[in-house]
Amino acid sequence: MPTVQRPAVTAVLAAAVLLLTAGCSGGDGNAPAPTATGGTNGASTSPSGDASGPGAGARAEPPPAKGSVEVAGTLTEGLKSPWGLAELPDGDLLVSSRDEGTITRVDGESGEKTRIGTVAGVAPAGEGGLMGLAVSPGFASDHMVYAYFTTESDNRIARMLYDEKKPAGQQLGAPDTILRGIPKGTVHNGGRIAFGPDKMLYAGTGETGETGLAQDKKSLGGKILRMTPDGEPVHGNPEADSVVYSYGHRNVQGLAWDSEKRLWAAEFGQNTWDELNLIRPGGNYGWPEVEGRGGEEGYVDPVAQWKTSEASPSGIAYAAGSIWMAGLRGERLWRIPLDGTKTVTDPESFLAQKYGRLRTVVAAGGDKLWLVTSETDTRGTPEAGDDRILDLEVK
């Protein structure tokens, strides 16, 4: 299937999109270049005493300052409000539809789509619905798929048995909720989940527009959570009886681990700075007291930051020595080359305004990424074929 490039957006349309997205990621359209930082004010460390989180390994060689992105092809198209993406052991993909509440399997070679089922209890509205997906580390034996979704009362995480022997559309078992009570809202629902190198489940949540939740350690809103596959607190969490791993976040939608097993997260700013953060157990990332790099004692500064018009980050992935960050309002893919816990140089952008809003990026081994567009999420300008999964080769 050939790749598709989007025509340039007119000034009037750009203004309309700017107004529509301002409530979640404001900022003006005359943004300076993104800046890289390395602040760690007030940061706590992992239980092992370093700043890398559970399971840190040997340091990798830094990548070159300049990278590249090649769109090798379009794997599939015609997706509706795609959000979460997870790779199965055989290389096929599972993709969620935020607004339809369904999960579709996409053949990793042909792009053929098969709907495997609908997640019961999903109540899509605004930025809520069926969002992040994760495949159990023990999928070969337990066949479990995890999902983060909005219900009528909350956001929650559940797991479902995926039975490929059943007819298409009926292959998902009933959701088994492992964590409930994550605050929900019209905006800032977070939604990304992923299993880490320690085989624990991590989740990024939002503060739903109620900013005080981010600093309230008793709330699950505005946090990064770490839990067992059963939804229980993990040994090594900042508080033994809590799944809260870090706090002071506005709306976390990107989670990824580098080659040294450090956790990175992307989150939406409000009017000034979007952030890429190195996550430290118990770290306070400042919201709503600080947005972007504040240099204030007690808060962890971002490693890189962007004007909100240039990013509005969603999913992130690690490949070829860099963090790759999908931008919604920014309509581009950012490369952040890493040298340990700092950046090699300023972030570099690719694919700007070529494919519209970009929602999710997933590492597929070596120099390959899967990239999901997000033009059918009510805030884009969908064209024929939207939304799609792109096959990228990166350096």
Protein backbone atom coordinates (compact mmCIF):
# COMPACT_ATOMS: atom_id res chain seq x y z
CA MET A 1 0.00 0.00 0.00
CA PRO A 2 1.56 3.33 -1.00
CA THR A 3 2.33 6.05 1.49
CA VAL A 4 0.15 9.14 1.54
CA GLN A 5 1.31 12.68 2.19
CA ARG A 6 -1.11 15.32 3.32
CA PRO A 7 -1.33 18.66 1.53
CA ALA A 8 -0.36 21.81 3.38
CA VAL A 9 -3.02 23.07 5.77
CA THR A 10 -4.47 26.47 5.01
CA ALA A 11 -4.07 29.34 7.43
CA VAL A 12 -7.80 29.39 8.18
CA LEU A 13 -7.90 25.69 8.96
CA ALA A 14 -4.79 25.95 11.12
CA ALA A 15 -6.43 28.73 13.13
CA ALA A 16 -9.52 26.58 13.62
CA VAL A 17 -7.50 23.65 14.88
CA LEU A 18 -5.58 25.97 17.21
CA LEU A 19 -8.79 27.21 18.80
CA LEU A 20 -10.20 23.72 19.10
CA THR A 21 -7.19 22.33 20.90
CA ALA A 22 -6.40 25.31 23.12
CA GLY A 23 -8.34 23.93 26.07
CA CYS A 24 -5.97 20.98 26.43
CA SER A 25 -2.67 22.23 25.11
CA GLY A 26 -2.60 25.96 24.59
CA GLY A 27 0.20 28.15 23.36
CA ASP A 28 0.75 30.52 20.48
CA GLY A 29 1.66 29.64 16.93
CA ASN A 30 4.99 31.47 16.96
CA ALA A 31 6.92 28.92 18.96
CA PRO A 32 10.69 29.03 19.29
CA ALA A 33 12.75 25.90 18.78
CA PRO A 34 12.36 23.28 21.51
CA THR A 35 14.92 23.36 24.27
CA ALA A 36 16.71 20.53 26.00
CA THR A 37 17.32 20.56 29.72
CA GLY A 38 18.60 18.20 32.35
CA GLY A 39 17.19 19.54 35.60
CA THR A 40 16.61 17.15 38.48
CA ASN A 41 15.76 19.49 41.32
CA GLY A 42 14.49 17.64 44.35
CA ALA A 43 14.51 14.29 42.54
CA SER A 44 14.34 11.13 44.55
CA THR A 45 16.13 8.00 43.45
CA SER A 46 15.16 4.41 42.81
CA PRO A 47 15.33 1.79 45.57
CA SER A 48 18.76 0.76 44.24
CA GLY A 49 20.06 4.27 44.88
CA ASP A 50 20.44 5.47 41.30
CA ALA A 51 18.14 7.64 39.21
CA SER A 52 17.13 5.08 36.64
CA GLY A 53 14.27 3.19 38.22
CA PRO A 54 13.88 -0.58 38.53
CA GLY A 55 16.37 -2.77 36.69
CA ALA A 56 18.92 -0.32 35.32
CA GLY A 57 21.62 -1.84 33.10
CA ALA A 58 24.83 -0.81 31.36
CA ARG A 59 25.05 2.55 29.67
CA ALA A 60 24.51 2.64 25.91
CA GLU A 61 26.60 4.58 23.43
CA PRO A 62 24.93 7.89 22.49
CA PRO A 63 23.40 8.19 19.00
CA PRO A 64 24.51 10.77 16.42
CA ALA A 65 23.19 14.31 16.73
CA LYS A 66 21.36 14.06 13.41
CA GLY A 67 18.81 11.34 12.71
CA SER A 68 16.54 10.31 9.87
CA VAL A 69 13.05 8.96 9.28
CA GLU A 70 11.91 7.02 6.23
CA VAL A 71 8.28 6.02 5.73
CA ALA A 72 8.67 2.49 4.36
CA GLY A 73 4.95 2.11 3.76
CA THR A 74 1.42 2.24 5.08
CA LEU A 75 0.56 -0.98 6.90
CA THR A 76 -3.18 -0.35 7.07
CA GLU A 77 -5.74 2.44 6.81
CA GLY A 78 -9.40 3.17 7.46
CA LEU A 79 -9.07 3.05 11.27
CA LYS A 80 -11.56 5.04 13.35
CA SER A 81 -10.28 7.02 16.36
CA PRO A 82 -7.28 4.71 16.93
CA TRP A 83 -5.53 5.22 20.27
CA GLY A 84 -3.67 2.28 21.83
CA LEU A 85 -1.35 -0.05 19.94
CA ALA A 86 0.26 -3.26 21.20
CA GLU A 87 2.33 -5.86 19.39
CA LEU A 88 1.56 -9.56 19.74
CA PRO A 89 4.39 -12.12 19.95
CA ASP A 90 3.91 -13.09 16.29
CA GLY A 91 4.31 -9.49 15.07
CA ASP A 92 0.65 -8.73 14.50
CA LEU A 93 -0.80 -5.61 16.15
CA LEU A 94 -3.78 -4.86 18.35
CA VAL A 95 -5.26 -1.38 17.99
CA SER A 96 -8.03 0.18 20.07
CA SER A 97 -10.74 2.53 18.86
CA ARG A 98 -11.27 5.18 21.52
CA ASP A 99 -14.77 6.13 20.40
CA GLU A 100 -16.07 2.75 19.21
CA GLY A 101 -14.73 0.78 22.17
CA THR A 102 -13.40 -1.99 19.94
CA ILE A 103 -10.08 -3.79 19.49
CA THR A 104 -8.89 -4.76 16.02
CA ARG A 105 -6.09 -7.12 15.06
CA VAL A 106 -3.88 -5.94 12.19
CA ASP A 107 -1.70 -8.43 10.32
CA GLY A 108 1.89 -7.19 10.72
CA GLU A 109 2.73 -7.97 7.09
CA SER A 110 -0.43 -7.64 4.98
CA GLY A 111 -2.24 -5.02 7.09
CA GLU A 112 -5.44 -7.08 6.99
CA LYS A 113 -7.82 -6.02 9.78
CA THR A 114 -9.93 -8.33 11.94
CA ARG A 115 -12.13 -6.99 14.72
CA ILE A 116 -11.64 -9.25 17.72
CA GLY A 117 -14.27 -7.73 19.97
CA THR A 118 -15.84 -4.86 21.88
CA VAL A 119 -14.76 -3.97 25.41
CA ALA A 120 -17.82 -4.02 27.64
CA GLY A 121 -18.41 -0.97 29.83
CA VAL A 122 -16.57 1.63 27.74
CA ALA A 123 -18.32 5.03 27.84
CA PRO A 124 -16.58 7.31 25.30
CA ALA A 125 -16.94 11.06 25.72
CA GLY A 126 -14.58 13.93 25.02
CA GLU A 127 -11.03 12.64 25.46
CA GLY A 128 -12.23 9.49 27.22
CA GLY A 129 -13.03 6.06 25.86
CA LEU A 130 -11.01 2.94 25.07
CA MET A 131 -7.40 4.08 25.18
CA GLY A 132 -4.17 2.26 26.04
CA LEU A 133 -3.51 -1.42 25.33
CA ALA A 134 -0.83 -3.77 26.63
CA VAL A 135 -0.16 -7.45 26.05
CA SER A 136 0.69 -9.57 29.08
CA PRO A 137 4.38 -10.52 29.39
CA GLY A 138 3.08 -14.08 29.74
CA PHE A 139 0.75 -13.86 26.74
CA ALA A 140 1.97 -17.15 25.27
CA SER A 141 0.43 -18.96 28.23
CA ASP A 142 -2.22 -16.64 29.69
CA HIS A 143 -3.51 -14.91 26.48
CA MET A 144 -4.33 -11.75 28.42
CA VAL A 145 -4.78 -8.30 26.89
CA TYR A 146 -4.90 -5.24 29.18
CA ALA A 147 -6.84 -2.05 28.45
CA TYR A 148 -7.25 1.40 30.05
CA PHE A 149 -10.72 2.82 29.47
CA THR A 150 -13.37 5.27 30.62
CA THR A 151 -16.64 4.07 32.10
CA GLU A 152 -19.69 6.00 33.27
CA SER A 153 -18.07 6.47 36.68
CA ASP A 154 -14.27 6.37 36.33
CA ASN A 155 -11.22 5.40 34.32
CA ARG A 156 -10.03 1.88 35.01
CA ILE A 157 -7.65 -0.85 33.91
CA ALA A 158 -8.94 -4.31 33.06
CA ARG A 159 -7.63 -7.49 31.47
CA MET A 160 -9.43 -9.73 29.04
CA LEU A 161 -8.85 -13.23 27.77
CA TYR A 162 -8.15 -13.20 24.03
CA ASP A 163 -9.37 -16.48 22.50
CA GLU A 164 -8.32 -16.61 18.85
CA LYS A 165 -10.31 -19.83 18.32
CA LYS A 166 -13.63 -18.04 18.68
CA PRO A 167 -15.35 -16.27 15.75
CA ALA A 168 -14.14 -12.80 14.76
CA GLY A 169 -15.80 -10.14 16.88
CA GLN A 170 -16.34 -12.56 19.77
CA GLN A 171 -12.76 -13.29 20.81
CA LEU A 172 -12.55 -11.00 23.86
CA GLY A 173 -13.62 -12.25 27.25
CA ALA A 174 -15.39 -10.08 29.82
CA PRO A 175 -13.18 -7.38 31.38
CA ASP A 176 -11.62 -8.36 34.70
CA THR A 177 -10.98 -5.02 36.42
CA ILE A 178 -7.62 -4.87 38.20
CA LEU A 179 -7.69 -1.16 39.12
CA ARG A 180 -10.67 1.16 39.34
CA GLY A 181 -11.26 4.67 40.65
CA ILE A 182 -8.91 6.62 38.38
CA PRO A 183 -10.62 10.03 38.04
CA LYS A 184 -12.40 10.69 34.73
CA GLY A 185 -13.20 13.91 32.94
CA THR A 186 -14.08 15.37 29.58
CA VAL A 187 -10.36 16.10 29.21
CA HIS A 188 -7.04 14.87 30.67
CA ASN A 189 -7.84 11.20 31.14
CA GLY A 190 -4.29 9.99 30.55
CA GLY A 191 -4.65 6.47 29.21
CA ARG A 192 -1.28 4.98 28.29
CA ILE A 193 -0.36 1.60 29.81
CA ALA A 194 2.74 -0.54 29.29
CA PHE A 195 4.58 -3.41 30.92
CA GLY A 196 8.07 -2.43 31.99
CA PRO A 197 11.33 -4.42 31.94
CA ASP A 198 10.44 -5.53 35.48
CA LYS A 199 7.20 -7.09 34.10
CA MET A 200 5.14 -4.69 36.19
CA LEU A 201 2.29 -2.67 34.67
CA TYR A 202 2.67 1.12 34.43
CA ALA A 203 -0.09 3.62 33.66
CA GLY A 204 -0.13 7.34 32.90
CA THR A 205 -3.14 9.24 34.23
CA GLY A 206 -4.47 12.80 33.95
CA GLU A 207 -5.89 15.24 36.47
CA THR A 208 -9.16 15.64 34.49
CA GLY A 209 -8.81 19.44 34.57
CA GLU A 210 -9.00 19.45 38.38
CA THR A 211 -5.43 20.60 38.92
CA GLY A 212 -5.25 19.86 42.64
CA LEU A 213 -5.44 16.11 42.01
CA ALA A 214 -1.91 16.09 40.60
CA GLN A 215 -0.37 16.99 44.01
CA ASP A 216 -2.76 14.82 46.04
CA LYS A 217 -0.93 11.54 46.66
CA LYS A 218 -4.18 9.89 47.71
CA SER A 219 -5.68 10.48 44.26
CA LEU A 220 -4.84 8.35 41.22
CA GLY A 221 -5.21 11.40 38.95
CA GLY A 222 -2.19 13.21 37.53
CA LYS A 223 0.14 10.31 38.29
CA ILE A 224 2.26 7.53 36.90
CA LEU A 225 1.15 4.28 38.51
CA ARG A 226 3.13 1.04 38.96
CA MET A 227 1.39 -2.19 39.84
CA THR A 228 1.55 -5.96 39.57
CA PRO A 229 -0.35 -7.63 36.70
CA ASP A 230 -3.13 -8.11 39.28
CA GLY A 231 -3.29 -4.37 40.02
CA GLU A 232 -1.56 -4.48 43.41
CA PRO A 233 1.18 -2.12 44.71
CA VAL A 234 4.72 -3.27 43.95
CA HIS A 235 7.67 -3.64 46.30
CA GLY A 236 9.89 -0.63 45.69
CA ASN A 237 7.05 1.83 45.13
CA PRO A 238 7.46 5.05 47.15
CA GLU A 239 4.66 3.96 49.50
CA ALA A 240 4.21 0.26 50.18
CA ASP A 241 0.41 0.33 50.06
CA SER A 242 0.06 2.58 47.00
CA VAL A 243 0.35 2.13 43.23
CA VAL A 244 1.42 5.79 42.89
CA TYR A 245 4.94 5.89 41.43
CA SER A 246 5.32 9.60 40.60
CA TYR A 247 3.04 12.62 40.90
CA GLY A 248 2.58 16.25 39.90
CA HIS A 249 1.64 15.37 36.33
CA ARG A 250 -0.94 17.14 34.19
CA ASN A 251 -1.78 14.50 31.57
CA VAL A 252 0.64 11.65 30.89
CA GLN A 253 0.11 9.91 27.54
CA GLY A 254 3.54 8.51 26.67
CA LEU A 255 5.60 5.82 28.45
CA ALA A 256 8.81 4.14 27.25
CA TRP A 257 12.01 2.59 28.61
CA ASP A 258 15.47 3.18 27.19
CA SER A 259 18.23 0.58 26.77
CA GLU A 260 19.29 1.17 30.37
CA LYS A 261 15.74 0.39 31.55
CA ARG A 262 15.00 3.96 32.62
CA LEU A 263 11.40 5.10 32.38
CA TRP A 264 10.56 8.19 30.27
CA ALA A 265 7.19 9.90 30.01
CA ALA A 266 5.64 12.60 27.84
CA GLU A 267 2.90 14.89 29.08
CA PHE A 268 0.78 17.77 27.92
CA GLY A 269 1.49 21.25 29.17
CA GLN A 270 -1.21 23.89 29.42
CA ASN A 271 -0.26 27.15 27.73
CA THR A 272 3.52 27.14 27.69
CA TRP A 273 5.52 23.90 27.86
CA ASP A 274 4.98 20.28 26.94
CA GLU A 275 7.44 17.94 28.62
CA LEU A 276 9.58 14.83 28.25
CA ASN A 277 10.45 13.60 31.73
CA LEU A 278 12.83 11.04 33.17
CA ILE A 279 10.71 9.33 35.80
CA ARG A 280 12.10 8.82 39.28
CA PRO A 281 10.21 6.91 41.99
CA GLY A 282 8.46 9.40 44.25
CA GLY A 283 9.38 12.34 42.03
CA ASN A 284 7.15 15.43 42.03
CA TYR A 285 6.90 16.79 38.48
CA GLY A 286 5.46 20.10 39.53
CA TRP A 287 2.00 20.50 38.08
CA PRO A 288 0.18 22.80 38.71
CA GLU A 289 2.90 24.75 40.55
CA VAL A 290 5.43 24.47 37.71
CA GLU A 291 4.96 24.01 33.96
CA GLY A 292 8.12 23.08 32.10
CA ARG A 293 11.53 23.86 33.54
CA GLY A 294 11.11 25.82 36.75
CA GLY A 295 14.39 25.20 38.55
CA GLU A 296 12.52 25.07 41.84
CA GLU A 297 13.60 22.94 44.77
CA GLY A 298 11.39 19.91 45.32
CA TYR A 299 10.28 19.50 41.70
CA VAL A 300 11.83 17.44 38.91
CA ASP A 301 12.53 19.47 35.77
CA PRO A 302 11.87 17.98 32.31
CA VAL A 303 14.78 16.73 30.24
CA ALA A 304 13.27 18.38 27.16
CA GLN A 305 10.40 20.81 26.63
CA TRP A 306 8.41 22.23 23.73
CA LYS A 307 5.98 25.04 23.11
CA THR A 308 2.55 23.44 23.12
CA SER A 309 1.87 24.46 19.50
CA GLU A 310 4.86 22.38 18.41
CA ALA A 311 4.03 19.15 20.18
CA SER A 312 1.02 18.25 22.37
CA PRO A 313 2.71 14.88 22.88
CA SER A 314 0.98 11.54 22.98
CA GLY A 315 2.78 8.21 22.60
CA ILE A 316 6.56 7.75 22.84
CA ALA A 317 8.92 4.91 21.96
CA TYR A 318 12.63 4.20 22.30
CA ALA A 319 14.65 3.09 19.25
CA ALA A 320 18.10 3.71 17.75
CA GLY A 321 19.31 5.48 20.90
CA SER A 322 16.53 8.08 20.88
CA ILE A 323 13.10 8.73 22.30
CA TRP A 324 10.56 9.21 19.48
CA MET A 325 7.51 11.29 20.42
CA ALA A 326 4.25 11.59 18.49
CA GLY A 327 2.75 15.09 18.35
CA LEU A 328 -0.98 15.76 18.07
CA ARG A 329 -1.35 19.50 17.69
CA GLY A 330 2.24 19.71 16.43
CA GLU A 331 1.48 17.11 13.70
CA ARG A 332 5.04 15.79 13.68
CA LEU A 333 7.33 13.13 15.07
CA TRP A 334 10.05 14.32 17.44
CA ARG A 335 13.43 12.63 17.89
CA ILE A 336 15.19 13.18 21.21
CA PRO A 337 18.68 11.59 21.06
CA LEU A 338 19.89 10.52 24.49
CA ASP A 339 23.28 10.39 26.13
CA GLY A 340 22.43 8.72 29.40
CA THR A 341 19.95 10.96 31.20
CA LYS A 342 20.60 14.00 29.02
CA THR A 343 20.02 14.90 25.40
CA VAL A 344 22.78 14.77 22.79
CA THR A 345 21.41 17.90 21.14
CA ASP A 346 18.14 19.76 20.73
CA PRO A 347 15.16 17.62 19.65
CA GLU A 348 14.70 17.13 15.91
CA SER A 349 11.33 17.00 14.13
CA PHE A 350 10.21 14.86 11.18
CA LEU A 351 7.06 14.40 9.06
CA ALA A 352 5.73 17.85 10.02
CA GLN A 353 2.17 18.35 8.70
CA LYS A 354 2.51 15.40 6.30
CA TYR A 355 0.13 12.95 7.97
CA GLY A 356 -1.84 15.14 10.35
CA ARG A 357 -2.14 14.47 14.07
CA LEU A 358 0.07 11.66 15.38
CA ARG A 359 -1.21 9.63 18.33
CA THR A 360 0.88 6.56 19.08
CA VAL A 361 4.36 5.29 18.26
CA VAL A 362 5.60 1.80 19.12
CA ALA A 363 9.07 0.29 18.77
CA ALA A 364 9.06 -2.79 16.55
CA GLY A 365 12.67 -3.94 16.98
CA GLY A 366 15.91 -2.57 15.58
CA ASP A 367 15.36 0.66 13.65
CA LYS A 368 11.66 0.08 13.01
CA LEU A 369 8.67 1.97 14.46
CA TRP A 370 4.92 1.74 14.01
CA LEU A 371 3.24 5.17 13.93
CA VAL A 372 -0.53 5.72 14.31
CA THR A 373 -2.23 8.84 12.98
CA SER A 374 -5.16 10.53 14.77
CA GLU A 375 -7.24 12.49 12.30
CA THR A 376 -10.61 10.88 13.14
CA ASP A 377 -10.58 11.83 16.82
CA THR A 378 -12.95 14.83 16.26
CA ARG A 379 -10.01 17.27 16.30
CA GLY A 380 -8.38 16.39 13.01
CA THR A 381 -9.25 16.97 9.37
CA PRO A 382 -9.68 13.41 8.07
CA GLU A 383 -9.09 12.58 4.43
CA ALA A 384 -9.60 9.41 2.43
CA GLY A 385 -7.77 6.55 4.13
CA ASP A 386 -7.51 8.10 7.59
CA ASP A 387 -6.59 6.85 10.08
CA ARG A 388 -3.57 4.72 9.25
CA ILE A 389 -0.60 2.86 10.71
CA LEU A 390 2.72 3.83 9.11
CA ASP A 391 5.83 1.67 8.91
CA LEU A 392 8.92 3.76 9.74
CA GLU A 393 12.65 3.13 9.51
CA VAL A 394 14.57 5.47 11.79
CA LYS A 395 18.16 6.34 12.66
